[in-house]
Amino acid sequence: KNAIPDILDEVLWDLDLYRRMQMPDGAIRGGIESTQHPRPGEASWQESLMLSAYAPDANASFIYAASAAKLARNLAAIDKALSETYAASARKAWDWAIAKAPKGDNLAAFELWRLTGDAKFYDVFKATFILAGAEGDVNTQSKALTSYARLPDGQGDAELREKARKWVTQTADIGLKFADGNAYGITLWVPQLPPMGWIGYFSTPETALGGLLPYAWLLTKDAKYLNGAIRACQF
């Protein structure tokens, strides 16, 4: 019974946990955990086991800063007060994390730049962006790559944006070829990658490094990417 779209309410359900646990100095804890699996018959609100909260760390704080900034931007025209709450929270998380890890984080810097327009965030983003010549693992920058690729014309660097768009479609094509070569339609973008548990091989397309197909479809409107994404989800 609010004006917030359901999909953003779903985001709030999870992200609000981290905001409520945010330390006064802005630090973010990576989550909570109970001492063992839930007791039989207990629902989440009946938890009787001892719970622990993770200690704050820079990585969790950067992840939260990126997510909270993106949420704040999407809430701006829907719920101004809540948007401002998350914007301030994202900024506090960034300030704490950057003091611990001065190199910064490219996705958090990107989302804060989009939220605020502050060039200093863009400078941090570009200094850590793999397409701008920074060292890094492309697998850890996939969200930044897809986000940059989807920037409207006129925002950011046109050459970098085109590189990002090319990377998304080329990598999505690798995923489609991979899907054609297995019985399950799995869309990994690393050719001949064997099943490994940590990579979520038989999991959702996003978890299994294959979440690029919807982005490729949004960029090109080529039905092969949408059909490939749907096929991957059927497994």
C-alpha atoms as a PDB file:
ATOM      1  CA  LYS A   1       0.000   0.000   0.000  1.00  0.00           C
ATOM      2  CA  ASN A   2       2.674   2.456  -1.018  1.00  0.00           C
ATOM      3  CA  ALA A   3       3.713   4.125  -4.254  1.00  0.00           C
ATOM      4  CA  ILE A   4       6.917   2.096  -4.521  1.00  0.00           C
ATOM      5  CA  PRO A   5       6.945  -0.494  -7.332  1.00  0.00           C
ATOM      6  CA  ASP A   6       6.973  -4.068  -6.039  1.00  0.00           C
ATOM      7  CA  ILE A   7      10.391  -4.798  -7.505  1.00  0.00           C
ATOM      8  CA  LEU A   8      11.922  -1.969  -5.458  1.00  0.00           C
ATOM      9  CA  ASP A   9      10.038  -3.108  -2.365  1.00  0.00           C
ATOM     10  CA  GLU A  10      11.771  -6.462  -2.843  1.00  0.00           C
ATOM     11  CA  VAL A  11      15.133  -4.670  -2.948  1.00  0.00           C
ATOM     12  CA  LEU A  12      14.236  -2.762   0.208  1.00  0.00           C
ATOM     13  CA  TRP A  13      13.363  -5.962   2.053  1.00  0.00           C
ATOM     14  CA  ASP A  14      16.989  -7.069   1.824  1.00  0.00           C
ATOM     15  CA  LEU A  15      18.915  -3.804   1.647  1.00  0.00           C
ATOM     16  CA  ASP A  16      17.140  -2.289   4.631  1.00  0.00           C
ATOM     17  CA  LEU A  17      18.725  -4.956   6.846  1.00  0.00           C
ATOM     18  CA  TYR A  18      22.157  -3.542   6.066  1.00  0.00           C
ATOM     19  CA  ARG A  19      21.017   0.053   6.475  1.00  0.00           C
ATOM     20  CA  ARG A  20      19.563  -0.680   9.914  1.00  0.00           C
ATOM     21  CA  MET A  21      22.827  -2.348  10.958  1.00  0.00           C
ATOM     22  CA  GLN A  22      24.983   0.497   9.616  1.00  0.00           C
ATOM     23  CA  MET A  23      27.399   1.775  12.247  1.00  0.00           C
ATOM     24  CA  PRO A  24      27.308   5.440  13.288  1.00  0.00           C
ATOM     25  CA  ASP A  25      30.561   6.025  11.386  1.00  0.00           C
ATOM     26  CA  GLY A  26      29.041   4.593   8.188  1.00  0.00           C
ATOM     27  CA  ALA A  27      30.584   1.113   8.281  1.00  0.00           C
ATOM     28  CA  ILE A  28      28.523  -1.770   6.928  1.00  0.00           C
ATOM     29  CA  ARG A  29      28.416  -5.316   8.276  1.00  0.00           C
ATOM     30  CA  GLY A  30      28.377  -8.080   5.673  1.00  0.00           C
ATOM     31  CA  GLY A  31      25.393  -9.874   7.145  1.00  0.00           C
ATOM     32  CA  ILE A  32      24.071 -11.958  10.019  1.00  0.00           C
ATOM     33  CA  GLU A  33      24.204 -15.677  10.725  1.00  0.00           C
ATOM     34  CA  SER A  34      22.827 -18.102  13.261  1.00  0.00           C
ATOM     35  CA  THR A  35      24.949 -20.697  15.036  1.00  0.00           C
ATOM     36  CA  GLN A  36      23.435 -23.543  12.991  1.00  0.00           C
ATOM     37  CA  HIS A  37      20.614 -24.290  10.581  1.00  0.00           C
ATOM     38  CA  PRO A  38      17.177 -23.197  11.878  1.00  0.00           C
ATOM     39  CA  ARG A  39      15.483 -25.449  14.367  1.00  0.00           C
ATOM     40  CA  PRO A  40      12.720 -27.544  12.773  1.00  0.00           C
ATOM     41  CA  GLY A  41       9.423 -25.687  12.628  1.00  0.00           C
ATOM     42  CA  GLU A  42      10.854 -22.240  13.377  1.00  0.00           C
ATOM     43  CA  ALA A  43      10.096 -19.418  10.968  1.00  0.00           C
ATOM     44  CA  SER A  44      12.454 -16.474  10.586  1.00  0.00           C
ATOM     45  CA  TRP A  45      10.573 -14.319  13.072  1.00  0.00           C
ATOM     46  CA  GLN A  46      10.659 -17.147  15.674  1.00  0.00           C
ATOM     47  CA  GLU A  47      14.443 -17.570  15.630  1.00  0.00           C
ATOM     48  CA  SER A  48      15.659 -18.914  18.977  1.00  0.00           C
ATOM     49  CA  LEU A  49      19.262 -19.668  18.070  1.00  0.00           C
ATOM     50  CA  MET A  50      22.124 -17.355  18.947  1.00  0.00           C
ATOM     51  CA  LEU A  51      22.767 -14.881  16.130  1.00  0.00           C
ATOM     52  CA  SER A  52      25.958 -13.112  15.169  1.00  0.00           C
ATOM     53  CA  ALA A  53      26.593 -10.047  13.046  1.00  0.00           C
ATOM     54  CA  TYR A  54      29.676  -9.884  10.844  1.00  0.00           C
ATOM     55  CA  ALA A  55      32.283  -7.279  11.639  1.00  0.00           C
ATOM     56  CA  PRO A  56      32.225  -4.288   9.258  1.00  0.00           C
ATOM     57  CA  ASP A  57      34.634  -4.370   6.327  1.00  0.00           C
ATOM     58  CA  ALA A  58      35.446  -2.210   3.318  1.00  0.00           C
ATOM     59  CA  ASN A  59      34.228  -4.708   0.716  1.00  0.00           C
ATOM     60  CA  ALA A  60      30.781  -5.050   2.265  1.00  0.00           C
ATOM     61  CA  SER A  61      30.607  -1.277   2.661  1.00  0.00           C
ATOM     62  CA  PHE A  62      31.446  -0.688  -1.012  1.00  0.00           C
ATOM     63  CA  ILE A  63      28.863  -3.256  -2.148  1.00  0.00           C
ATOM     64  CA  TYR A  64      26.261  -1.578   0.017  1.00  0.00           C
ATOM     65  CA  ALA A  65      27.253   1.908  -1.155  1.00  0.00           C
ATOM     66  CA  ALA A  66      26.748   0.841  -4.785  1.00  0.00           C
ATOM     67  CA  SER A  67      23.401  -0.797  -4.068  1.00  0.00           C
ATOM     68  CA  ALA A  68      22.076   1.985  -1.851  1.00  0.00           C
ATOM     69  CA  ALA A  69      23.113   4.681  -4.329  1.00  0.00           C
ATOM     70  CA  LYS A  70      21.390   2.851  -7.183  1.00  0.00           C
ATOM     71  CA  LEU A  71      18.262   2.419  -5.071  1.00  0.00           C
ATOM     72  CA  ALA A  72      18.287   6.083  -4.069  1.00  0.00           C
ATOM     73  CA  ARG A  73      18.445   7.109  -7.739  1.00  0.00           C
ATOM     74  CA  ASN A  74      15.513   4.856  -8.611  1.00  0.00           C
ATOM     75  CA  LEU A  75      13.457   6.106  -5.656  1.00  0.00           C
ATOM     76  CA  ALA A  76      14.044   9.806  -6.346  1.00  0.00           C
ATOM     77  CA  ALA A  77      10.835  10.325  -8.312  1.00  0.00           C
ATOM     78  CA  ILE A  78       8.787   7.929  -6.168  1.00  0.00           C
ATOM     79  CA  ASP A  79       9.657   8.532  -2.512  1.00  0.00           C
ATOM     80  CA  LYS A  80      11.911  11.558  -2.050  1.00  0.00           C
ATOM     81  CA  ALA A  81      12.395  11.126   1.681  1.00  0.00           C
ATOM     82  CA  LEU A  82      13.416   7.486   1.394  1.00  0.00           C
ATOM     83  CA  SER A  83      15.654   8.321  -1.554  1.00  0.00           C
ATOM     84  CA  GLU A  84      17.464  10.924   0.536  1.00  0.00           C
ATOM     85  CA  THR A  85      17.821   8.440   3.402  1.00  0.00           C
ATOM     86  CA  TYR A  86      19.532   5.901   1.195  1.00  0.00           C
ATOM     87  CA  ALA A  87      21.635   8.524  -0.577  1.00  0.00           C
ATOM     88  CA  ALA A  88      23.027   9.741   2.745  1.00  0.00           C
ATOM     89  CA  SER A  89      23.564   6.171   3.922  1.00  0.00           C
ATOM     90  CA  ALA A  90      25.405   5.255   0.711  1.00  0.00           C
ATOM     91  CA  ARG A  91      27.669   8.264   1.060  1.00  0.00           C
ATOM     92  CA  LYS A  92      28.510   7.417   4.683  1.00  0.00           C
ATOM     93  CA  ALA A  93      29.337   3.838   3.711  1.00  0.00           C
ATOM     94  CA  TRP A  94      31.594   5.090   0.917  1.00  0.00           C
ATOM     95  CA  ASP A  95      33.392   7.572   3.161  1.00  0.00           C
ATOM     96  CA  TRP A  96      34.134   4.850   5.706  1.00  0.00           C
ATOM     97  CA  ALA A  97      35.239   2.303   3.108  1.00  0.00           C
ATOM     98  CA  ILE A  98      37.457   4.672   1.123  1.00  0.00           C
ATOM     99  CA  ALA A  99      39.353   5.513   4.294  1.00  0.00           C
ATOM    100  CA  LYS A 100      40.090   1.800   4.724  1.00  0.00           C
ATOM    101  CA  ALA A 101      40.706   1.034   1.034  1.00  0.00           C
ATOM    102  CA  PRO A 102      41.857   4.259  -0.694  1.00  0.00           C
ATOM    103  CA  LYS A 103      41.861   2.696  -4.163  1.00  0.00           C
ATOM    104  CA  GLY A 104      38.074   2.563  -3.969  1.00  0.00           C
ATOM    105  CA  ASP A 105      35.616   0.372  -5.801  1.00  0.00           C
ATOM    106  CA  ASN A 106      34.583   1.019  -9.387  1.00  0.00           C
ATOM    107  CA  LEU A 107      30.927  -0.055  -9.130  1.00  0.00           C
ATOM    108  CA  ALA A 108      30.311   1.973  -5.962  1.00  0.00           C
ATOM    109  CA  ALA A 109      32.079   4.967  -7.510  1.00  0.00           C
ATOM    110  CA  PHE A 110      30.003   4.601 -10.677  1.00  0.00           C
ATOM    111  CA  GLU A 111      26.673   4.468  -8.848  1.00  0.00           C
ATOM    112  CA  LEU A 112      27.548   7.410  -6.599  1.00  0.00           C
ATOM    113  CA  TRP A 113      28.601   9.401  -9.651  1.00  0.00           C
ATOM    114  CA  ARG A 114      25.262   8.646 -11.336  1.00  0.00           C
ATOM    115  CA  LEU A 115      23.424   9.611  -8.156  1.00  0.00           C
ATOM    116  CA  THR A 116      25.303  12.809  -7.355  1.00  0.00           C
ATOM    117  CA  GLY A 117      27.021  13.910 -10.573  1.00  0.00           C
ATOM    118  CA  ASP A 118      30.151  14.537  -8.493  1.00  0.00           C
ATOM    119  CA  ALA A 119      33.185  14.234 -10.790  1.00  0.00           C
ATOM    120  CA  LYS A 120      35.411  12.904  -8.024  1.00  0.00           C
ATOM    121  CA  PHE A 121      33.431   9.667  -8.029  1.00  0.00           C
ATOM    122  CA  TYR A 122      33.853   9.379 -11.792  1.00  0.00           C
ATOM    123  CA  ASP A 123      37.597   9.859 -11.400  1.00  0.00           C
ATOM    124  CA  VAL A 124      37.770   6.940  -8.960  1.00  0.00           C
ATOM    125  CA  PHE A 125      35.608   4.843 -11.259  1.00  0.00           C
ATOM    126  CA  LYS A 126      37.735   5.508 -14.329  1.00  0.00           C
ATOM    127  CA  ALA A 127      40.981   4.880 -12.448  1.00  0.00           C
ATOM    128  CA  THR A 128      39.750   1.389 -11.546  1.00  0.00           C
ATOM    129  CA  PHE A 129      37.797   0.560 -14.730  1.00  0.00           C
ATOM    130  CA  ILE A 130      39.278  -2.263 -16.773  1.00  0.00           C
ATOM    131  CA  LEU A 131      38.190  -0.768 -20.110  1.00  0.00           C
ATOM    132  CA  ALA A 132      40.016   2.449 -19.231  1.00  0.00           C
ATOM    133  CA  GLY A 133      43.279   0.562 -18.842  1.00  0.00           C
ATOM    134  CA  ALA A 134      43.139  -0.352 -15.166  1.00  0.00           C
ATOM    135  CA  GLU A 135      44.277  -3.765 -14.032  1.00  0.00           C
ATOM    136  CA  GLY A 136      41.572  -6.106 -12.833  1.00  0.00           C
ATOM    137  CA  ASP A 137      39.492  -9.201 -13.417  1.00  0.00           C
ATOM    138  CA  VAL A 138      36.686  -8.709 -15.914  1.00  0.00           C
ATOM    139  CA  ASN A 139      34.508 -11.162 -13.985  1.00  0.00           C
ATOM    140  CA  THR A 140      34.518  -8.879 -10.948  1.00  0.00           C
ATOM    141  CA  GLN A 141      33.642  -5.820 -13.053  1.00  0.00           C
ATOM    142  CA  SER A 142      30.743  -7.267 -15.050  1.00  0.00           C
ATOM    143  CA  LYS A 143      28.149  -5.145 -13.236  1.00  0.00           C
ATOM    144  CA  ALA A 144      30.148  -1.974 -13.846  1.00  0.00           C
ATOM    145  CA  LEU A 145      30.582  -2.946 -17.486  1.00  0.00           C
ATOM    146  CA  THR A 146      26.878  -3.556 -18.046  1.00  0.00           C
ATOM    147  CA  SER A 147      25.934  -0.402 -16.151  1.00  0.00           C
ATOM    148  CA  TYR A 148      28.323   1.723 -18.196  1.00  0.00           C
ATOM    149  CA  ALA A 149      27.111   0.142 -21.420  1.00  0.00           C
ATOM    150  CA  ARG A 150      23.562   1.217 -20.590  1.00  0.00           C
ATOM    151  CA  LEU A 151      24.412   4.859 -19.954  1.00  0.00           C
ATOM    152  CA  PRO A 152      22.277   7.158 -22.111  1.00  0.00           C
ATOM    153  CA  ASP A 153      24.050   8.816 -25.026  1.00  0.00           C
ATOM    154  CA  GLY A 154      25.702  11.990 -23.818  1.00  0.00           C
ATOM    155  CA  GLN A 155      26.638  10.595 -20.407  1.00  0.00           C
ATOM    156  CA  GLY A 156      30.126   9.407 -19.622  1.00  0.00           C
ATOM    157  CA  ASP A 157      32.800   8.835 -22.231  1.00  0.00           C
ATOM    158  CA  ALA A 158      31.398   7.878 -25.651  1.00  0.00           C
ATOM    159  CA  GLU A 159      34.389   5.706 -26.539  1.00  0.00           C
ATOM    160  CA  LEU A 160      34.294   3.844 -23.233  1.00  0.00           C
ATOM    161  CA  ARG A 161      30.533   3.412 -23.527  1.00  0.00           C
ATOM    162  CA  GLU A 162      30.924   1.878 -26.985  1.00  0.00           C
ATOM    163  CA  LYS A 163      33.655  -0.446 -25.709  1.00  0.00           C
ATOM    164  CA  ALA A 164      31.385  -1.537 -22.871  1.00  0.00           C
ATOM    165  CA  ARG A 165      28.481  -2.182 -25.228  1.00  0.00           C
ATOM    166  CA  LYS A 166      30.714  -4.204 -27.539  1.00  0.00           C
ATOM    167  CA  TRP A 167      32.002  -6.219 -24.589  1.00  0.00           C
ATOM    168  CA  VAL A 168      28.457  -6.995 -23.419  1.00  0.00           C
ATOM    169  CA  THR A 169      27.250  -8.246 -26.811  1.00  0.00           C
ATOM    170  CA  GLN A 170      30.425 -10.176 -27.634  1.00  0.00           C
ATOM    171  CA  THR A 171      30.461 -11.839 -24.233  1.00  0.00           C
ATOM    172  CA  ALA A 172      26.754 -12.615 -24.475  1.00  0.00           C
ATOM    173  CA  ASP A 173      27.468 -14.309 -27.812  1.00  0.00           C
ATOM    174  CA  ILE A 174      30.027 -16.499 -26.053  1.00  0.00           C
ATOM    175  CA  GLY A 175      27.344 -17.380 -23.512  1.00  0.00           C
ATOM    176  CA  LEU A 176      24.900 -18.349 -26.252  1.00  0.00           C
ATOM    177  CA  LYS A 177      27.503 -20.563 -27.911  1.00  0.00           C
ATOM    178  CA  PHE A 178      28.247 -22.184 -24.568  1.00  0.00           C
ATOM    179  CA  ALA A 179      24.521 -22.810 -24.084  1.00  0.00           C
ATOM    180  CA  ASP A 180      24.288 -24.498 -27.468  1.00  0.00           C
ATOM    181  CA  GLY A 181      27.028 -26.889 -26.384  1.00  0.00           C
ATOM    182  CA  ASN A 182      25.398 -28.238 -23.234  1.00  0.00           C
ATOM    183  CA  ALA A 183      22.129 -29.988 -22.517  1.00  0.00           C
ATOM    184  CA  TYR A 184      20.874 -27.433 -20.008  1.00  0.00           C
ATOM    185  CA  GLY A 185      21.160 -24.106 -21.834  1.00  0.00           C
ATOM    186  CA  ILE A 186      23.668 -22.829 -19.262  1.00  0.00           C
ATOM    187  CA  THR A 187      25.115 -19.521 -20.464  1.00  0.00           C
ATOM    188  CA  LEU A 188      28.613 -19.214 -19.011  1.00  0.00           C
ATOM    189  CA  TRP A 189      30.915 -16.798 -20.791  1.00  0.00           C
ATOM    190  CA  VAL A 190      34.112 -18.771 -20.064  1.00  0.00           C
ATOM    191  CA  PRO A 191      34.503 -21.401 -22.817  1.00  0.00           C
ATOM    192  CA  GLN A 192      35.120 -24.988 -21.651  1.00  0.00           C
ATOM    193  CA  LEU A 193      34.788 -24.048 -17.990  1.00  0.00           C
ATOM    194  CA  PRO A 194      34.240 -27.287 -16.023  1.00  0.00           C
ATOM    195  CA  PRO A 195      31.500 -27.564 -13.374  1.00  0.00           C
ATOM    196  CA  MET A 196      32.837 -25.928 -10.223  1.00  0.00           C
ATOM    197  CA  GLY A 197      30.751 -25.318  -7.135  1.00  0.00           C
ATOM    198  CA  TRP A 198      31.997 -21.827  -6.291  1.00  0.00           C
ATOM    199  CA  ILE A 199      30.879 -20.456  -9.625  1.00  0.00           C
ATOM    200  CA  GLY A 200      27.257 -21.559  -9.292  1.00  0.00           C
ATOM    201  CA  TYR A 201      27.493 -23.664 -12.430  1.00  0.00           C
ATOM    202  CA  PHE A 202      24.027 -25.241 -12.215  1.00  0.00           C
ATOM    203  CA  SER A 203      22.429 -22.202 -10.615  1.00  0.00           C
ATOM    204  CA  THR A 204      20.642 -19.113 -11.907  1.00  0.00           C
ATOM    205  CA  PRO A 205      21.949 -17.368 -15.039  1.00  0.00           C
ATOM    206  CA  GLU A 206      23.181 -14.413 -12.981  1.00  0.00           C
ATOM    207  CA  THR A 207      24.991 -16.566 -10.443  1.00  0.00           C
ATOM    208  CA  ALA A 208      26.556 -18.680 -13.172  1.00  0.00           C
ATOM    209  CA  LEU A 209      28.311 -15.745 -14.847  1.00  0.00           C
ATOM    210  CA  GLY A 210      25.665 -15.710 -17.556  1.00  0.00           C
ATOM    211  CA  GLY A 211      23.598 -12.716 -16.537  1.00  0.00           C
ATOM    212  CA  LEU A 212      24.673 -10.684 -19.561  1.00  0.00           C
ATOM    213  CA  LEU A 213      21.965 -11.901 -21.917  1.00  0.00           C
ATOM    214  CA  PRO A 214      19.214  -9.583 -20.637  1.00  0.00           C
ATOM    215  CA  TYR A 215      21.611  -6.630 -20.875  1.00  0.00           C
ATOM    216  CA  ALA A 216      22.563  -7.582 -24.418  1.00  0.00           C
ATOM    217  CA  TRP A 217      18.874  -7.728 -25.286  1.00  0.00           C
ATOM    218  CA  LEU A 218      18.215  -4.320 -23.693  1.00  0.00           C
ATOM    219  CA  LEU A 219      21.071  -2.833 -25.720  1.00  0.00           C
ATOM    220  CA  THR A 220      20.244  -4.425 -29.069  1.00  0.00           C
ATOM    221  CA  LYS A 221      16.641  -5.705 -28.856  1.00  0.00           C
ATOM    222  CA  ASP A 222      17.939  -8.805 -30.673  1.00  0.00           C
ATOM    223  CA  ALA A 223      15.546 -11.637 -29.794  1.00  0.00           C
ATOM    224  CA  LYS A 224      18.337 -14.218 -29.626  1.00  0.00           C
ATOM    225  CA  TYR A 225      19.536 -12.750 -26.352  1.00  0.00           C
ATOM    226  CA  LEU A 226      16.089 -12.727 -24.763  1.00  0.00           C
ATOM    227  CA  ASN A 227      15.384 -16.267 -25.967  1.00  0.00           C
ATOM    228  CA  GLY A 228      18.758 -17.433 -24.644  1.00  0.00           C
ATOM    229  CA  ALA A 229      18.063 -15.892 -21.246  1.00  0.00           C
ATOM    230  CA  ILE A 230      14.651 -17.556 -21.049  1.00  0.00           C
ATOM    231  CA  ARG A 231      16.125 -20.907 -22.093  1.00  0.00           C
ATOM    232  CA  ALA A 232      18.787 -20.632 -19.384  1.00  0.00           C
ATOM    233  CA  CYS A 233      16.110 -19.915 -16.790  1.00  0.00           C
ATOM    234  CA  GLN A 234      14.156 -23.040 -17.745  1.00  0.00           C
ATOM    235  CA  PHE A 235      16.859 -25.266 -16.281  1.00  0.00           C
END
